Amino acid sequence: MASIAASSCKYDVFLSFRGEDTRKNFTSHLYAGLCQKGIITFKDDQELERGKTISQELLKAIQDSKISIVIFSRSYASSSWCLDELVQIFECMKTQGQMVMPVFYHVNPTEVRKQTGEYGKSFAHHEQRFNNLHNVQQWRTAMTALANLSGWDLQDRYTYNSFSCII
């Protein structure tokens, strides 16, 4: 496995999140905290250049980051966009040695890992919606692998306060 050379990265951190769940609360606070510490952070609504194709820009930003923080929230799995990001993050972890840090924001980590509850419903919907089940299987594989990494479970206030002390 190749490791990411510090000088080759444009960003220290890439934030993967479901905007409607966390953009105006947790993700905004996390982004501000990281930036205050001098950590160069990519957050899609802050760093995308006007006129660029969003998907290409996001995939490049993931590749150009040392660390990806994946914020699994209630409707993260309902977004094919988030799931495509997740596959790219998984590939960068495997091929470039990118560090991945999962955050379980108001969602049970077991539901994410095993794709049950809302996550199971989202995947069932994707399987009915898309003819290409290969993509859905890639999403499932990436989610299982990344959700099994050690991360933060922010279902309660105590854990959230502990996480905020880190940044």
Protein backbone atom coordinates (compact mmCIF):
# COMPACT_ATOMS: atom_id res chain seq x y z
CA MET A 1 0.00 0.00 0.00
CA ALA A 2 1.38 3.39 -0.97
CA SER A 3 1.20 6.17 1.57
CA ILE A 4 0.20 9.72 0.86
CA ALA A 5 3.16 12.08 0.66
CA ALA A 6 2.46 15.12 2.82
CA SER A 7 3.61 17.54 0.12
CA SER A 8 1.32 16.02 -2.53
CA CYS A 9 -1.87 16.85 -0.63
CA LYS A 10 -3.79 20.05 -1.19
CA TYR A 11 -5.99 19.42 1.86
CA ASP A 12 -5.37 18.03 5.32
CA VAL A 13 -8.99 16.90 5.70
CA PHE A 14 -11.93 16.11 3.41
CA LEU A 15 -15.38 16.22 5.04
CA SER A 16 -17.97 13.79 3.67
CA PHE A 17 -21.46 14.55 4.97
CA ARG A 18 -25.16 14.67 4.05
CA GLY A 19 -25.87 18.37 3.77
CA GLU A 20 -29.49 18.32 4.81
CA ASP A 21 -28.59 16.45 8.03
CA THR A 22 -25.47 18.22 9.26
CA ARG A 23 -24.38 21.16 7.07
CA LYS A 24 -25.77 23.91 9.30
CA ASN A 25 -24.95 22.32 12.65
CA PHE A 26 -22.31 19.68 13.36
CA THR A 27 -20.40 19.92 10.07
CA SER A 28 -20.23 23.73 10.19
CA HIS A 29 -18.88 23.62 13.75
CA LEU A 30 -16.38 20.89 12.90
CA TYR A 31 -15.21 22.79 9.81
CA ALA A 32 -14.79 26.02 11.80
CA GLY A 33 -12.88 24.21 14.56
CA LEU A 34 -10.52 22.54 12.11
CA CYS A 35 -9.87 25.80 10.26
CA GLN A 36 -9.21 27.64 13.54
CA LYS A 37 -6.50 25.08 14.27
CA GLY A 38 -4.91 25.79 10.88
CA ILE A 39 -6.07 22.49 9.37
CA ILE A 40 -6.76 22.93 5.64
CA THR A 41 -10.19 21.41 5.23
CA PHE A 42 -12.35 20.74 2.17
CA LYS A 43 -16.08 21.19 2.68
CA ASP A 44 -18.04 21.12 -0.57
CA ASP A 45 -19.92 24.38 -0.19
CA GLN A 46 -16.76 26.27 0.75
CA GLU A 47 -14.14 25.00 -1.69
CA LEU A 48 -15.76 24.19 -5.04
CA GLU A 49 -14.63 26.43 -7.88
CA ARG A 50 -17.47 27.99 -9.85
CA GLY A 51 -18.09 26.32 -13.20
CA LYS A 52 -16.41 23.03 -12.28
CA THR A 53 -18.31 19.78 -12.49
CA ILE A 54 -19.08 19.01 -8.88
CA SER A 55 -18.46 15.28 -9.04
CA GLN A 56 -15.03 15.66 -10.65
CA GLU A 57 -14.07 18.38 -8.18
CA LEU A 58 -15.17 16.30 -5.21
CA LEU A 59 -13.35 13.17 -6.37
CA LYS A 60 -10.17 15.20 -6.91
CA ALA A 61 -10.51 16.80 -3.45
CA ILE A 62 -10.80 13.34 -1.86
CA GLN A 63 -7.67 12.19 -3.68
CA ASP A 64 -5.85 15.38 -2.64
CA SER A 65 -6.58 14.94 1.10
CA LYS A 66 -4.51 13.29 3.82
CA ILE A 67 -7.55 12.41 5.95
CA SER A 68 -11.24 11.91 5.23
CA ILE A 69 -13.79 12.39 7.98
CA VAL A 70 -17.04 10.63 7.09
CA ILE A 71 -20.02 11.94 9.04
CA PHE A 72 -22.59 9.15 8.95
CA SER A 73 -25.98 10.70 9.73
CA ARG A 74 -29.59 9.55 9.47
CA SER A 75 -30.01 10.07 5.72
CA TYR A 76 -26.38 9.74 4.58
CA ALA A 77 -27.11 6.42 2.81
CA SER A 78 -30.09 7.88 0.95
CA SER A 79 -27.73 10.02 -1.14
CA SER A 80 -26.07 8.31 -4.09
CA TRP A 81 -23.73 11.32 -4.15
CA CYS A 82 -22.53 10.58 -0.59
CA LEU A 83 -22.19 6.90 -1.43
CA ASP A 84 -20.07 7.68 -4.50
CA GLU A 85 -17.82 9.79 -2.26
CA LEU A 86 -17.62 6.89 0.17
CA VAL A 87 -16.39 4.52 -2.56
CA GLN A 88 -13.71 7.03 -3.57
CA ILE A 89 -12.63 7.47 0.06
CA PHE A 90 -12.44 3.69 0.46
CA GLU A 91 -10.29 3.42 -2.68
CA CYS A 92 -7.95 6.17 -1.44
CA MET A 93 -7.65 4.41 1.90
CA LYS A 94 -6.70 1.14 0.17
CA THR A 95 -4.40 2.52 -2.53
CA GLN A 96 -2.91 5.69 -1.02
CA GLY A 97 -3.04 4.93 2.68
CA GLN A 98 -5.45 7.79 3.33
CA MET A 99 -6.59 7.90 6.97
CA VAL A 100 -10.36 7.67 7.42
CA MET A 101 -12.17 8.75 10.57
CA PRO A 102 -15.87 7.85 10.82
CA VAL A 103 -18.25 9.92 12.92
CA PHE A 104 -21.67 8.45 13.74
CA TYR A 105 -23.87 11.53 14.18
CA HIS A 106 -27.27 10.71 15.72
CA VAL A 107 -27.18 7.26 14.15
CA ASN A 108 -26.43 3.88 15.68
CA PRO A 109 -23.05 2.61 14.40
CA THR A 110 -24.43 -0.93 14.21
CA GLU A 111 -27.17 0.21 11.79
CA VAL A 112 -24.49 1.73 9.57
CA ARG A 113 -22.18 -1.30 9.74
CA LYS A 114 -24.93 -3.84 9.12
CA GLN A 115 -27.05 -1.54 6.92
CA THR A 116 -30.22 -2.02 8.92
CA GLY A 117 -32.88 0.49 9.99
CA GLU A 118 -32.88 3.64 7.85
CA TYR A 119 -29.65 2.52 6.19
CA GLY A 120 -31.25 -0.78 5.17
CA LYS A 121 -34.28 1.05 3.77
CA SER A 122 -32.02 3.38 1.77
CA PHE A 123 -30.08 0.50 0.25
CA ALA A 124 -33.31 -1.36 -0.59
CA HIS A 125 -34.51 1.79 -2.36
CA HIS A 126 -31.23 2.08 -4.29
CA GLU A 127 -31.46 -1.57 -5.37
CA GLN A 128 -34.97 -0.97 -6.76
CA ARG A 129 -34.04 2.36 -8.36
CA PHE A 130 -30.79 1.46 -10.12
CA ASN A 131 -30.36 -1.14 -12.83
CA ASN A 132 -26.65 -1.37 -12.02
CA LEU A 133 -26.48 -3.44 -8.84
CA HIS A 134 -22.67 -3.43 -9.13
CA ASN A 135 -22.68 0.20 -7.93
CA VAL A 136 -24.94 -0.64 -5.00
CA GLN A 137 -22.64 -3.51 -4.03
CA GLN A 138 -19.62 -1.14 -4.17
CA TRP A 139 -21.50 1.27 -1.88
CA ARG A 140 -22.30 -1.54 0.56
CA THR A 141 -18.70 -2.79 0.60
CA ALA A 142 -17.26 0.69 1.18
CA MET A 143 -19.79 1.47 3.90
CA THR A 144 -19.17 -1.77 5.76
CA ALA A 145 -15.40 -1.33 5.62
CA LEU A 146 -15.37 2.32 6.69
CA ALA A 147 -18.07 1.96 9.36
CA ASN A 148 -16.00 -0.82 10.94
CA LEU A 149 -13.09 1.57 11.53
CA SER A 150 -12.64 3.05 14.98
CA GLY A 151 -14.48 6.34 15.16
CA TRP A 152 -16.78 8.54 17.23
CA ASP A 153 -20.34 7.71 18.24
CA LEU A 154 -22.07 11.07 18.76
CA GLN A 155 -25.48 9.89 19.88
CA ASP A 156 -25.27 11.66 23.21
CA ARG A 157 -24.11 15.04 24.49
CA TYR A 158 -21.20 13.64 26.54
CA THR A 159 -19.56 12.04 23.49
CA TYR A 160 -20.20 15.17 21.41
CA ASN A 161 -18.45 17.31 24.04
CA SER A 162 -15.52 14.86 24.13
CA PHE A 163 -15.22 15.05 20.33
CA SER A 164 -15.30 18.86 20.34
CA CYS A 165 -12.37 18.88 22.79
CA ILE A 166 -10.26 17.04 20.21
CA ILE A 167 -10.55 19.84 17.69
